[in-house]
Amino acid sequence: MSELLPEKTLREKMTRVIESLPSDQVTLAAVLELIGREGLLLFCVFLTLPFMVPVSIPGVSTVFGAVIVLVGFSVMFDRKPWLPARLMKRSFPVAKLRVALEKGTIWLKRLERISHPRLPRLAEGVVATRVNGFMLVVGALLLMAPFGLVPFSNTLPGLAILFLAVGVLQKDGGCVLLGYLTNLATFVYFAFLILTGAAAMREAVRKMLELFS
């Protein structure tokens, strides 16, 4: 894959992948083979972009989160991701795929402006790779949590995944650390939602019992 993607920036790598796509149809398996492991992390970045708003489209977080879970496990164990064979053989029109990827390169250019190599122990090495893969899985599971209509419930885990993926690609331990902290913030936020919801439910039950007593 290094021969295919010799460029230095994430945007240049994505542009090279776009140029290497066939002219008509391409399968998911072919795309994964073409872009390699770095492309999996770029794919995670792309999948988080729809969640950079307070409330996301219902149902999308489950599908995208499931894909990121599989990518996270592949990063943890340094292997190609496992996806159902039926999904791997699914073909996509290259024209539409190219448009989506080109839009993603715009966001990559913006992200690259604020990211640079630092705190290497958090971004490189066997231990860091396993931890970061695990944190991608955690972020994806939080993204799949059934709070889609609650403001920021998709944005926070989406940001965590975005920071982690960009941090690993850019060897930016500071960005990776932001991913850890954002996952933690998501846990706190969800715990608050659950506790608040439980308290509201108890109060509603108490009032109902009072009415019928």
N, C-alpha and C. Protein backbone atom coordinates (compact mmCIF):
# COMPACT_ATOMS: atom_id res chain seq x y z
N MET A 1 0.81 -1.21 0.00
CA MET A 1 0.00 0.00 0.00
C MET A 1 0.85 1.27 0.00
N SER A 2 2.11 1.16 0.51
CA SER A 2 2.95 2.34 0.57
C SER A 2 3.29 2.85 -0.83
N GLU A 3 3.37 1.93 -1.84
CA GLU A 3 3.66 2.37 -3.19
C GLU A 3 2.48 3.12 -3.79
N LEU A 4 1.28 2.73 -3.36
CA LEU A 4 0.08 3.37 -3.89
C LEU A 4 -0.11 4.76 -3.29
N LEU A 5 0.27 4.92 -2.01
CA LEU A 5 0.00 6.16 -1.30
C LEU A 5 1.30 6.79 -0.80
N PRO A 6 2.13 7.34 -1.69
CA PRO A 6 3.41 7.89 -1.26
C PRO A 6 3.31 9.33 -0.78
N GLU A 7 2.18 9.97 -0.93
CA GLU A 7 2.08 11.38 -0.59
C GLU A 7 2.14 11.57 0.92
N LYS A 8 2.41 12.81 1.33
CA LYS A 8 2.63 13.09 2.73
C LYS A 8 1.35 13.44 3.48
N THR A 9 0.41 14.11 2.83
CA THR A 9 -0.77 14.56 3.56
C THR A 9 -1.96 13.63 3.36
N LEU A 10 -2.89 13.68 4.30
CA LEU A 10 -4.09 12.85 4.20
C LEU A 10 -4.89 13.21 2.95
N ARG A 11 -4.96 14.48 2.66
CA ARG A 11 -5.73 14.92 1.49
C ARG A 11 -5.11 14.38 0.21
N GLU A 12 -3.79 14.40 0.11
CA GLU A 12 -3.11 13.88 -1.07
C GLU A 12 -3.32 12.37 -1.21
N LYS A 13 -3.32 11.68 -0.08
CA LYS A 13 -3.56 10.24 -0.13
C LYS A 13 -4.96 9.92 -0.63
N MET A 14 -5.94 10.66 -0.13
CA MET A 14 -7.31 10.46 -0.57
C MET A 14 -7.46 10.79 -2.05
N THR A 15 -6.81 11.85 -2.49
CA THR A 15 -6.87 12.23 -3.91
C THR A 15 -6.29 11.13 -4.79
N ARG A 16 -5.19 10.53 -4.35
CA ARG A 16 -4.57 9.45 -5.12
C ARG A 16 -5.50 8.24 -5.20
N VAL A 17 -6.19 7.94 -4.12
CA VAL A 17 -7.15 6.82 -4.12
C VAL A 17 -8.27 7.09 -5.11
N ILE A 18 -8.79 8.32 -5.10
CA ILE A 18 -9.87 8.68 -6.02
C ILE A 18 -9.43 8.49 -7.46
N GLU A 19 -8.20 8.90 -7.76
CA GLU A 19 -7.69 8.78 -9.12
C GLU A 19 -7.46 7.33 -9.53
N SER A 20 -7.29 6.45 -8.54
CA SER A 20 -7.01 5.04 -8.82
C SER A 20 -8.27 4.19 -8.98
N LEU A 21 -9.44 4.77 -8.71
CA LEU A 21 -10.68 4.01 -8.83
C LEU A 21 -10.99 3.69 -10.29
N PRO A 22 -11.64 2.55 -10.56
CA PRO A 22 -12.06 2.24 -11.93
C PRO A 22 -13.12 3.21 -12.41
N SER A 23 -13.52 3.07 -13.65
CA SER A 23 -14.41 4.06 -14.26
C SER A 23 -15.89 3.78 -14.07
N ASP A 24 -16.25 2.51 -13.74
CA ASP A 24 -17.68 2.20 -13.67
C ASP A 24 -18.14 1.79 -12.28
N GLN A 25 -17.90 0.52 -11.91
CA GLN A 25 -18.35 -0.01 -10.62
C GLN A 25 -17.15 -0.50 -9.81
N VAL A 26 -17.29 -0.48 -8.49
CA VAL A 26 -16.24 -0.99 -7.62
C VAL A 26 -16.89 -1.64 -6.41
N THR A 27 -16.35 -2.76 -5.95
CA THR A 27 -16.89 -3.43 -4.76
C THR A 27 -16.23 -2.88 -3.51
N LEU A 28 -16.87 -3.11 -2.38
CA LEU A 28 -16.31 -2.67 -1.11
C LEU A 28 -14.98 -3.37 -0.84
N ALA A 29 -14.90 -4.66 -1.20
CA ALA A 29 -13.65 -5.40 -1.03
C ALA A 29 -12.52 -4.77 -1.84
N ALA A 30 -12.83 -4.35 -3.07
CA ALA A 30 -11.81 -3.73 -3.91
C ALA A 30 -11.36 -2.39 -3.34
N VAL A 31 -12.31 -1.63 -2.79
CA VAL A 31 -11.96 -0.33 -2.20
C VAL A 31 -11.04 -0.53 -1.00
N LEU A 32 -11.37 -1.49 -0.14
CA LEU A 32 -10.55 -1.74 1.05
C LEU A 32 -9.15 -2.21 0.66
N GLU A 33 -9.08 -3.01 -0.39
CA GLU A 33 -7.77 -3.47 -0.85
C GLU A 33 -6.97 -2.32 -1.44
N LEU A 34 -7.65 -1.42 -2.11
CA LEU A 34 -6.98 -0.29 -2.75
C LEU A 34 -6.41 0.70 -1.74
N ILE A 35 -7.22 1.06 -0.76
CA ILE A 35 -6.80 2.13 0.16
C ILE A 35 -6.01 1.62 1.35
N GLY A 36 -6.11 0.33 1.68
CA GLY A 36 -5.31 -0.23 2.76
C GLY A 36 -5.72 0.24 4.14
N ARG A 37 -4.87 -0.03 5.12
CA ARG A 37 -5.20 0.25 6.51
C ARG A 37 -5.40 1.73 6.78
N GLU A 38 -4.53 2.58 6.20
CA GLU A 38 -4.69 4.02 6.41
C GLU A 38 -6.03 4.49 5.89
N GLY A 39 -6.48 3.87 4.79
CA GLY A 39 -7.78 4.24 4.24
C GLY A 39 -8.91 3.90 5.18
N LEU A 40 -8.74 2.85 5.99
CA LEU A 40 -9.77 2.50 6.96
C LEU A 40 -9.95 3.64 7.96
N LEU A 41 -8.87 4.23 8.38
CA LEU A 41 -8.96 5.34 9.31
C LEU A 41 -9.52 6.59 8.61
N LEU A 42 -9.14 6.79 7.36
CA LEU A 42 -9.74 7.88 6.59
C LEU A 42 -11.24 7.66 6.44
N PHE A 43 -11.63 6.40 6.26
CA PHE A 43 -13.04 6.06 6.15
C PHE A 43 -13.77 6.39 7.45
N CYS A 44 -13.13 6.12 8.59
CA CYS A 44 -13.72 6.49 9.88
C CYS A 44 -13.95 7.99 9.97
N VAL A 45 -12.96 8.77 9.53
CA VAL A 45 -13.11 10.22 9.52
C VAL A 45 -14.32 10.62 8.69
N PHE A 46 -14.41 10.03 7.49
CA PHE A 46 -15.52 10.37 6.60
C PHE A 46 -16.87 10.01 7.21
N LEU A 47 -16.95 8.84 7.88
CA LEU A 47 -18.21 8.38 8.46
C LEU A 47 -18.68 9.25 9.62
N THR A 48 -17.76 9.96 10.25
CA THR A 48 -18.16 10.80 11.39
C THR A 48 -18.69 12.17 10.95
N LEU A 49 -18.41 12.57 9.72
CA LEU A 49 -18.79 13.92 9.28
C LEU A 49 -20.29 14.21 9.40
N PRO A 50 -21.20 13.25 9.12
CA PRO A 50 -22.63 13.55 9.26
C PRO A 50 -23.06 13.85 10.70
N PHE A 51 -22.21 13.51 11.66
CA PHE A 51 -22.59 13.68 13.06
C PHE A 51 -22.01 14.95 13.69
N MET A 52 -21.41 15.81 12.87
CA MET A 52 -20.85 17.05 13.38
C MET A 52 -21.91 18.14 13.54
N VAL A 53 -23.15 17.73 13.82
CA VAL A 53 -24.26 18.64 14.11
C VAL A 53 -24.92 18.13 15.38
N PRO A 54 -25.65 18.99 16.13
CA PRO A 54 -26.24 18.57 17.40
C PRO A 54 -27.15 17.35 17.31
N VAL A 55 -27.95 17.24 16.26
CA VAL A 55 -28.87 16.11 16.11
C VAL A 55 -28.66 15.50 14.73
N SER A 56 -28.43 14.19 14.67
CA SER A 56 -28.17 13.52 13.40
C SER A 56 -29.41 12.79 12.90
N ILE A 57 -29.32 12.28 11.67
CA ILE A 57 -30.43 11.55 11.08
C ILE A 57 -30.61 10.23 11.81
N PRO A 58 -31.83 9.92 12.29
CA PRO A 58 -32.07 8.66 13.01
C PRO A 58 -31.72 7.44 12.17
N GLY A 59 -31.07 6.45 12.79
CA GLY A 59 -30.76 5.20 12.10
C GLY A 59 -29.39 5.16 11.47
N VAL A 60 -28.87 6.29 11.03
CA VAL A 60 -27.57 6.32 10.38
C VAL A 60 -26.45 5.96 11.34
N SER A 61 -26.56 6.41 12.58
CA SER A 61 -25.50 6.16 13.56
C SER A 61 -25.30 4.67 13.81
N THR A 62 -26.36 3.88 13.73
CA THR A 62 -26.25 2.44 13.96
C THR A 62 -25.41 1.79 12.86
N VAL A 63 -25.71 2.13 11.61
CA VAL A 63 -24.99 1.54 10.47
C VAL A 63 -23.54 1.99 10.46
N PHE A 64 -23.31 3.29 10.56
CA PHE A 64 -21.95 3.81 10.51
C PHE A 64 -21.15 3.35 11.73
N GLY A 65 -21.81 3.33 12.89
CA GLY A 65 -21.13 2.87 14.09
C GLY A 65 -20.68 1.43 13.98
N ALA A 66 -21.50 0.56 13.37
CA ALA A 66 -21.15 -0.84 13.21
C ALA A 66 -19.90 -1.00 12.33
N VAL A 67 -19.80 -0.21 11.28
CA VAL A 67 -18.63 -0.25 10.42
C VAL A 67 -17.38 0.16 11.18
N ILE A 68 -17.51 1.22 11.98
CA ILE A 68 -16.36 1.72 12.73
C ILE A 68 -15.94 0.72 13.81
N VAL A 69 -16.90 -0.01 14.39
CA VAL A 69 -16.56 -1.06 15.35
C VAL A 69 -15.64 -2.08 14.70
N LEU A 70 -15.99 -2.52 13.49
CA LEU A 70 -15.18 -3.51 12.78
C LEU A 70 -13.81 -2.96 12.44
N VAL A 71 -13.74 -1.70 12.07
CA VAL A 71 -12.45 -1.07 11.79
C VAL A 71 -11.62 -0.99 13.06
N GLY A 72 -12.26 -0.64 14.18
CA GLY A 72 -11.55 -0.55 15.45
C GLY A 72 -10.93 -1.88 15.85
N PHE A 73 -11.66 -2.97 15.67
CA PHE A 73 -11.11 -4.30 15.98
C PHE A 73 -9.95 -4.63 15.05
N SER A 74 -10.04 -4.23 13.78
CA SER A 74 -8.95 -4.50 12.84
C SER A 74 -7.70 -3.73 13.23
N VAL A 75 -7.87 -2.52 13.75
CA VAL A 75 -6.73 -1.73 14.22
C VAL A 75 -6.12 -2.38 15.46
N MET A 76 -6.97 -2.83 16.38
CA MET A 76 -6.49 -3.47 17.61
C MET A 76 -5.60 -4.67 17.33
N PHE A 77 -6.02 -5.50 16.38
CA PHE A 77 -5.32 -6.76 16.10
C PHE A 77 -4.46 -6.69 14.85
N ASP A 78 -4.33 -5.46 14.27
CA ASP A 78 -3.47 -5.24 13.11
C ASP A 78 -3.81 -6.20 11.97
N ARG A 79 -5.10 -6.30 11.66
CA ARG A 79 -5.57 -7.17 10.59
C ARG A 79 -6.58 -6.45 9.72
N LYS A 80 -6.81 -7.00 8.55
CA LYS A 80 -7.86 -6.44 7.70
C LYS A 80 -9.20 -6.62 8.39
N PRO A 81 -10.11 -5.70 8.20
CA PRO A 81 -11.40 -5.79 8.89
C PRO A 81 -12.24 -6.94 8.35
N TRP A 82 -13.00 -7.58 9.24
CA TRP A 82 -13.97 -8.59 8.81
C TRP A 82 -15.30 -7.89 8.55
N LEU A 83 -15.84 -8.14 7.39
CA LEU A 83 -17.16 -7.66 7.03
C LEU A 83 -17.92 -8.82 6.40
N PRO A 84 -19.24 -8.88 6.58
CA PRO A 84 -20.01 -9.96 5.96
C PRO A 84 -19.74 -10.05 4.46
N ALA A 85 -19.61 -11.28 3.96
CA ALA A 85 -19.28 -11.50 2.55
C ALA A 85 -20.26 -10.80 1.62
N ARG A 86 -21.52 -10.82 1.98
CA ARG A 86 -22.53 -10.18 1.14
C ARG A 86 -22.27 -8.69 1.01
N LEU A 87 -21.84 -8.07 2.09
CA LEU A 87 -21.53 -6.65 2.06
C LEU A 87 -20.24 -6.39 1.29
N MET A 88 -19.25 -7.27 1.46
CA MET A 88 -17.97 -7.10 0.78
C MET A 88 -18.13 -7.16 -0.74
N LYS A 89 -19.11 -7.94 -1.23
CA LYS A 89 -19.30 -8.11 -2.67
C LYS A 89 -20.23 -7.06 -3.26
N ARG A 90 -20.78 -6.22 -2.42
CA ARG A 90 -21.69 -5.19 -2.92
C ARG A 90 -20.92 -4.18 -3.76
N SER A 91 -21.47 -3.80 -4.90
CA SER A 91 -20.80 -2.86 -5.79
C SER A 91 -21.43 -1.48 -5.69
N PHE A 92 -20.61 -0.47 -5.95
CA PHE A 92 -21.05 0.92 -5.87
C PHE A 92 -20.69 1.63 -7.17
N PRO A 93 -21.54 2.55 -7.63
CA PRO A 93 -21.19 3.35 -8.81
C PRO A 93 -20.05 4.30 -8.47
N VAL A 94 -18.99 4.24 -9.22
CA VAL A 94 -17.80 5.01 -8.91
C VAL A 94 -18.06 6.51 -8.94
N ALA A 95 -18.94 6.96 -9.83
CA ALA A 95 -19.21 8.39 -9.94
C ALA A 95 -19.70 8.95 -8.61
N LYS A 96 -20.67 8.27 -7.97
CA LYS A 96 -21.20 8.73 -6.70
C LYS A 96 -20.15 8.60 -5.59
N LEU A 97 -19.40 7.52 -5.61
CA LEU A 97 -18.37 7.32 -4.60
C LEU A 97 -17.30 8.39 -4.70
N ARG A 98 -16.92 8.74 -5.92
CA ARG A 98 -15.89 9.76 -6.12
C ARG A 98 -16.34 11.11 -5.58
N VAL A 99 -17.61 11.46 -5.77
CA VAL A 99 -18.14 12.73 -5.26
C VAL A 99 -18.03 12.77 -3.74
N ALA A 100 -18.42 11.67 -3.07
CA ALA A 100 -18.35 11.62 -1.61
C ALA A 100 -16.92 11.75 -1.11
N LEU A 101 -16.00 11.07 -1.76
CA LEU A 101 -14.60 11.12 -1.34
C LEU A 101 -14.01 12.52 -1.56
N GLU A 102 -14.37 13.15 -2.67
CA GLU A 102 -13.86 14.50 -2.93
C GLU A 102 -14.35 15.50 -1.89
N LYS A 103 -15.59 15.33 -1.43
CA LYS A 103 -16.09 16.19 -0.36
C LYS A 103 -15.31 15.94 0.92
N GLY A 104 -14.95 14.68 1.16
CA GLY A 104 -14.18 14.35 2.35
C GLY A 104 -12.81 14.99 2.35
N THR A 105 -12.19 15.14 1.17
CA THR A 105 -10.86 15.75 1.12
C THR A 105 -10.87 17.20 1.59
N ILE A 106 -12.00 17.88 1.40
CA ILE A 106 -12.11 19.27 1.87
C ILE A 106 -11.99 19.31 3.39
N TRP A 107 -12.68 18.39 4.07
CA TRP A 107 -12.61 18.32 5.52
C TRP A 107 -11.22 17.91 6.00
N LEU A 108 -10.59 17.00 5.26
CA LEU A 108 -9.25 16.57 5.64
C LEU A 108 -8.27 17.74 5.59
N LYS A 109 -8.42 18.60 4.59
CA LYS A 109 -7.55 19.77 4.47
C LYS A 109 -7.70 20.66 5.70
N ARG A 110 -8.93 20.85 6.17
CA ARG A 110 -9.16 21.68 7.34
C ARG A 110 -8.58 21.04 8.60
N LEU A 111 -8.74 19.73 8.73
CA LEU A 111 -8.23 19.03 9.90
C LEU A 111 -6.70 19.07 9.95
N GLU A 112 -6.07 18.96 8.80
CA GLU A 112 -4.61 18.95 8.75
C GLU A 112 -4.00 20.26 9.22
N ARG A 113 -4.75 21.33 9.13
CA ARG A 113 -4.23 22.64 9.53
C ARG A 113 -3.99 22.72 11.04
N ILE A 114 -4.74 21.94 11.81
CA ILE A 114 -4.62 22.03 13.28
C ILE A 114 -3.92 20.82 13.89
N SER A 115 -3.52 19.87 13.06
CA SER A 115 -2.90 18.66 13.58
C SER A 115 -1.45 18.56 13.14
N HIS A 116 -0.56 18.11 14.07
CA HIS A 116 0.85 17.91 13.74
C HIS A 116 1.45 16.89 14.71
N PRO A 117 2.55 16.24 14.36
CA PRO A 117 3.15 15.21 15.21
C PRO A 117 3.52 15.73 16.60
N ARG A 118 3.08 15.02 17.64
CA ARG A 118 3.41 15.36 19.02
C ARG A 118 2.98 14.18 19.91
N LEU A 119 3.52 14.11 21.12
CA LEU A 119 3.20 13.05 22.07
C LEU A 119 3.15 11.68 21.38
N PRO A 120 4.27 11.24 20.80
CA PRO A 120 4.27 10.02 19.99
C PRO A 120 3.84 8.76 20.73
N ARG A 121 4.03 8.69 22.04
CA ARG A 121 3.66 7.48 22.77
C ARG A 121 2.16 7.19 22.74
N LEU A 122 1.37 8.23 22.48
CA LEU A 122 -0.08 8.04 22.41
C LEU A 122 -0.55 7.70 21.00
N ALA A 123 0.32 7.86 20.02
CA ALA A 123 -0.10 7.66 18.63
C ALA A 123 0.62 6.52 17.92
N GLU A 124 1.75 6.06 18.46
CA GLU A 124 2.55 5.04 17.77
C GLU A 124 2.93 3.93 18.74
N GLY A 125 3.27 2.76 18.17
CA GLY A 125 3.70 1.64 18.98
C GLY A 125 2.60 0.60 19.16
N VAL A 126 2.99 -0.60 19.56
CA VAL A 126 2.05 -1.71 19.69
C VAL A 126 0.98 -1.41 20.73
N VAL A 127 1.40 -0.94 21.90
CA VAL A 127 0.44 -0.67 22.97
C VAL A 127 -0.53 0.43 22.56
N ALA A 128 0.01 1.52 22.02
CA ALA A 128 -0.84 2.64 21.60
C ALA A 128 -1.81 2.20 20.52
N THR A 129 -1.35 1.35 19.60
CA THR A 129 -2.22 0.88 18.52
C THR A 129 -3.40 0.09 19.08
N ARG A 130 -3.13 -0.79 20.03
CA ARG A 130 -4.21 -1.59 20.62
C ARG A 130 -5.18 -0.73 21.42
N VAL A 131 -4.63 0.19 22.19
CA VAL A 131 -5.48 1.08 22.98
C VAL A 131 -6.33 1.96 22.08
N ASN A 132 -5.73 2.51 21.04
CA ASN A 132 -6.47 3.39 20.15
C ASN A 132 -7.53 2.65 19.35
N GLY A 133 -7.22 1.41 18.97
CA GLY A 133 -8.24 0.59 18.32
C GLY A 133 -9.41 0.33 19.24
N PHE A 134 -9.09 0.03 20.50
CA PHE A 134 -10.15 -0.20 21.49
C PHE A 134 -10.99 1.05 21.69
N MET A 135 -10.33 2.21 21.74
CA MET A 135 -11.07 3.45 21.93
C MET A 135 -11.94 3.80 20.72
N LEU A 136 -11.52 3.39 19.53
CA LEU A 136 -12.37 3.54 18.35
C LEU A 136 -13.64 2.70 18.50
N VAL A 137 -13.46 1.47 19.00
CA VAL A 137 -14.62 0.59 19.23
C VAL A 137 -15.56 1.22 20.26
N VAL A 138 -14.98 1.74 21.34
CA VAL A 138 -15.79 2.38 22.38
C VAL A 138 -16.57 3.56 21.79
N GLY A 139 -15.88 4.41 21.05
CA GLY A 139 -16.55 5.55 20.44
C GLY A 139 -17.68 5.13 19.51
N ALA A 140 -17.44 4.07 18.74
CA ALA A 140 -18.45 3.59 17.81
C ALA A 140 -19.67 3.03 18.54
N LEU A 141 -19.43 2.30 19.63
CA LEU A 141 -20.54 1.76 20.42
C LEU A 141 -21.36 2.90 21.05
N LEU A 142 -20.67 3.93 21.51
CA LEU A 142 -21.38 5.10 22.04
C LEU A 142 -22.18 5.80 20.94
N LEU A 143 -21.61 5.81 19.73
CA LEU A 143 -22.32 6.40 18.60
C LEU A 143 -23.61 5.64 18.30
N MET A 144 -23.61 4.33 18.55
CA MET A 144 -24.77 3.49 18.27
C MET A 144 -25.80 3.51 19.39
N ALA A 145 -25.49 4.16 20.50
CA ALA A 145 -26.41 4.20 21.64
C ALA A 145 -27.73 4.86 21.22
N PRO A 146 -28.86 4.39 21.79
CA PRO A 146 -30.19 4.88 21.36
C PRO A 146 -30.55 6.25 21.92
N PHE A 147 -29.70 7.25 21.64
CA PHE A 147 -29.98 8.62 22.05
C PHE A 147 -29.99 9.57 20.86
N GLY A 148 -30.26 9.03 19.66
CA GLY A 148 -30.09 9.78 18.42
C GLY A 148 -30.83 11.10 18.37
N LEU A 149 -31.98 11.21 19.03
CA LEU A 149 -32.76 12.45 18.98
C LEU A 149 -32.34 13.45 20.05
N VAL A 150 -31.44 13.05 20.93
CA VAL A 150 -30.97 13.94 21.99
C VAL A 150 -29.79 14.78 21.46
N PRO A 151 -29.82 16.09 21.64
CA PRO A 151 -28.72 16.94 21.15
C PRO A 151 -27.35 16.47 21.63
N PHE A 152 -26.39 16.45 20.73
CA PHE A 152 -24.99 16.10 21.00
C PHE A 152 -24.75 14.63 21.28
N SER A 153 -25.79 13.78 21.28
CA SER A 153 -25.58 12.36 21.59
C SER A 153 -24.80 11.65 20.50
N ASN A 154 -24.88 12.11 19.27
CA ASN A 154 -24.06 11.57 18.19
C ASN A 154 -22.81 12.42 17.95
N THR A 155 -22.91 13.70 18.24
CA THR A 155 -21.79 14.60 17.98
C THR A 155 -20.59 14.27 18.85
N LEU A 156 -20.81 14.01 20.13
CA LEU A 156 -19.69 13.74 21.04
C LEU A 156 -18.92 12.47 20.66
N PRO A 157 -19.57 11.31 20.50
CA PRO A 157 -18.80 10.14 20.08
C PRO A 157 -18.23 10.29 18.68
N GLY A 158 -18.94 11.03 17.80
CA GLY A 158 -18.41 11.29 16.48
C GLY A 158 -17.11 12.07 16.54
N LEU A 159 -17.07 13.07 17.41
CA LEU A 159 -15.84 13.85 17.60
C LEU A 159 -14.71 12.98 18.15
N ALA A 160 -15.05 12.09 19.09
CA ALA A 160 -14.03 11.20 19.66
C ALA A 160 -13.39 10.35 18.57
N ILE A 161 -14.22 9.77 17.71
CA ILE A 161 -13.71 8.94 16.61
C ILE A 161 -12.88 9.78 15.65
N LEU A 162 -13.34 10.98 15.36
CA LEU A 162 -12.63 11.87 14.46
C LEU A 162 -11.25 12.21 15.00
N PHE A 163 -11.17 12.59 16.28
CA PHE A 163 -9.89 12.91 16.89
C PHE A 163 -8.95 11.71 16.88
N LEU A 164 -9.47 10.52 17.21
CA LEU A 164 -8.64 9.32 17.27
C LEU A 164 -8.08 8.96 15.90
N ALA A 165 -8.94 8.96 14.89
CA ALA A 165 -8.51 8.57 13.55
C ALA A 165 -7.48 9.54 12.99
N VAL A 166 -7.77 10.84 13.10
CA VAL A 166 -6.83 11.85 12.60
C VAL A 166 -5.54 11.82 13.41
N GLY A 167 -5.65 11.64 14.72
CA GLY A 167 -4.47 11.59 15.57
C GLY A 167 -3.52 10.47 15.19
N VAL A 168 -4.06 9.28 14.94
CA VAL A 168 -3.22 8.15 14.56
C VAL A 168 -2.59 8.39 13.19
N LEU A 169 -3.39 8.87 12.24
CA LEU A 169 -2.87 9.12 10.90
C LEU A 169 -1.79 10.19 10.88
N GLN A 170 -1.96 11.20 11.71
CA GLN A 170 -1.02 12.33 11.74
C GLN A 170 0.07 12.16 12.79
N LYS A 171 0.05 11.00 13.49
CA LYS A 171 0.99 10.77 14.59
C LYS A 171 0.90 11.89 15.62
N ASP A 172 -0.31 12.33 15.84
CA ASP A 172 -0.59 13.45 16.74
C ASP A 172 -1.20 12.92 18.04
N GLY A 173 -0.33 12.71 19.05
CA GLY A 173 -0.81 12.22 20.33
C GLY A 173 -1.74 13.18 21.02
N GLY A 174 -1.59 14.47 20.76
CA GLY A 174 -2.51 15.44 21.35
C GLY A 174 -3.91 15.25 20.84
N CYS A 175 -4.04 14.98 19.56
CA CYS A 175 -5.35 14.74 18.96
C CYS A 175 -5.94 13.42 19.50
N VAL A 176 -5.08 12.42 19.65
CA VAL A 176 -5.53 11.14 20.22
C VAL A 176 -6.04 11.35 21.64
N LEU A 177 -5.30 12.13 22.43
CA LEU A 177 -5.72 12.42 23.80
C LEU A 177 -7.09 13.10 23.82
N LEU A 178 -7.32 14.01 22.89
CA LEU A 178 -8.64 14.63 22.79
C LEU A 178 -9.72 13.58 22.52
N GLY A 179 -9.37 12.56 21.74
CA GLY A 179 -10.31 11.47 21.49
C GLY A 179 -10.65 10.73 22.77
N TYR A 180 -9.63 10.43 23.59
CA TYR A 180 -9.87 9.78 24.88
C TYR A 180 -10.82 10.62 25.75
N LEU A 181 -10.48 11.90 25.86
CA LEU A 181 -11.26 12.79 26.72
C LEU A 181 -12.69 12.96 26.22
N THR A 182 -12.86 12.98 24.90
CA THR A 182 -14.21 13.12 24.36
C THR A 182 -15.03 11.86 24.58
N ASN A 183 -14.40 10.69 24.50
CA ASN A 183 -15.10 9.46 24.88
C ASN A 183 -15.55 9.52 26.34
N LEU A 184 -14.65 10.00 27.21
CA LEU A 184 -15.00 10.13 28.63
C LEU A 184 -16.15 11.11 28.81
N ALA A 185 -16.09 12.24 28.10
CA ALA A 185 -17.18 13.22 28.19
C ALA A 185 -18.50 12.62 27.73
N THR A 186 -18.43 11.75 26.71
CA THR A 186 -19.65 11.09 26.22
C THR A 186 -20.23 10.18 27.28
N PHE A 187 -19.37 9.42 27.95
CA PHE A 187 -19.83 8.57 29.05
C PHE A 187 -20.54 9.39 30.11
N VAL A 188 -19.93 10.50 30.51
CA VAL A 188 -20.52 11.36 31.54
C VAL A 188 -21.87 11.91 31.07
N TYR A 189 -21.91 12.34 29.83
CA TYR A 189 -23.15 12.90 29.29
C TYR A 189 -24.26 11.86 29.25
N PHE A 190 -23.92 10.65 28.78
CA PHE A 190 -24.92 9.59 28.72
C PHE A 190 -25.37 9.16 30.11
N ALA A 191 -24.43 9.13 31.06
CA ALA A 191 -24.81 8.79 32.43
C ALA A 191 -25.78 9.83 32.97
N PHE A 192 -25.52 11.10 32.66
CA PHE A 192 -26.43 12.17 33.08
C PHE A 192 -27.82 11.97 32.47
N LEU A 193 -27.86 11.63 31.18
CA LEU A 193 -29.14 11.41 30.51
C LEU A 193 -29.91 10.25 31.14
N ILE A 194 -29.18 9.17 31.44
CA ILE A 194 -29.83 7.99 32.03
C ILE A 194 -30.35 8.29 33.42
N LEU A 195 -29.51 8.94 34.24
CA LEU A 195 -29.93 9.26 35.60
C LEU A 195 -31.09 10.24 35.61
N THR A 196 -31.02 11.24 34.73
CA THR A 196 -32.11 12.21 34.64
C THR A 196 -33.40 11.54 34.18
N GLY A 197 -33.27 10.65 33.20
CA GLY A 197 -34.44 9.93 32.71
C GLY A 197 -35.05 9.03 33.77
N ALA A 198 -34.18 8.35 34.54
CA ALA A 198 -34.66 7.47 35.60
C ALA A 198 -35.38 8.27 36.68
N ALA A 199 -34.81 9.44 37.03
CA ALA A 199 -35.44 10.28 38.05
C ALA A 199 -36.80 10.77 37.57
N ALA A 200 -36.88 11.16 36.29
CA ALA A 200 -38.15 11.63 35.74
C ALA A 200 -39.18 10.51 35.72
N MET A 201 -38.75 9.28 35.41
CA MET A 201 -39.66 8.14 35.40
C MET A 201 -40.19 7.84 36.79
N ARG A 202 -39.31 7.89 37.78
CA ARG A 202 -39.74 7.64 39.16
C ARG A 202 -40.76 8.69 39.61
N GLU A 203 -40.52 9.95 39.24
CA GLU A 203 -41.43 11.01 39.62
C GLU A 203 -42.79 10.83 38.95
N ALA A 204 -42.78 10.41 37.69
CA ALA A 204 -44.04 10.17 36.97
C ALA A 204 -44.82 9.04 37.60
N VAL A 205 -44.11 7.96 37.97
CA VAL A 205 -44.78 6.83 38.63
C VAL A 205 -45.35 7.24 39.96
N ARG A 206 -44.59 8.05 40.72
CA ARG A 206 -45.07 8.50 42.04
C ARG A 206 -46.35 9.31 41.91
N LYS A 207 -46.40 10.20 40.91
CA LYS A 207 -47.59 11.03 40.71
C LYS A 207 -48.79 10.19 40.30
N MET A 208 -48.53 9.17 39.46
CA MET A 208 -49.63 8.29 39.06
C MET A 208 -50.20 7.53 40.25
N LEU A 209 -49.30 7.05 41.11
CA LEU A 209 -49.75 6.33 42.30
C LEU A 209 -50.56 7.24 43.22
N GLU A 210 -50.16 8.50 43.31
CA GLU A 210 -50.88 9.45 44.14
C GLU A 210 -52.30 9.69 43.60
N LEU A 211 -52.42 9.72 42.29
CA LEU A 211 -53.73 9.95 41.66
C LEU A 211 -54.71 8.80 41.92
N PHE A 212 -54.19 7.60 41.97
CA PHE A 212 -55.04 6.41 42.13
C PHE A 212 -55.13 5.93 43.58
N SER A 213 -54.47 6.64 44.48
CA SER A 213 -54.50 6.21 45.90
C SER A 213 -55.68 6.85 46.63
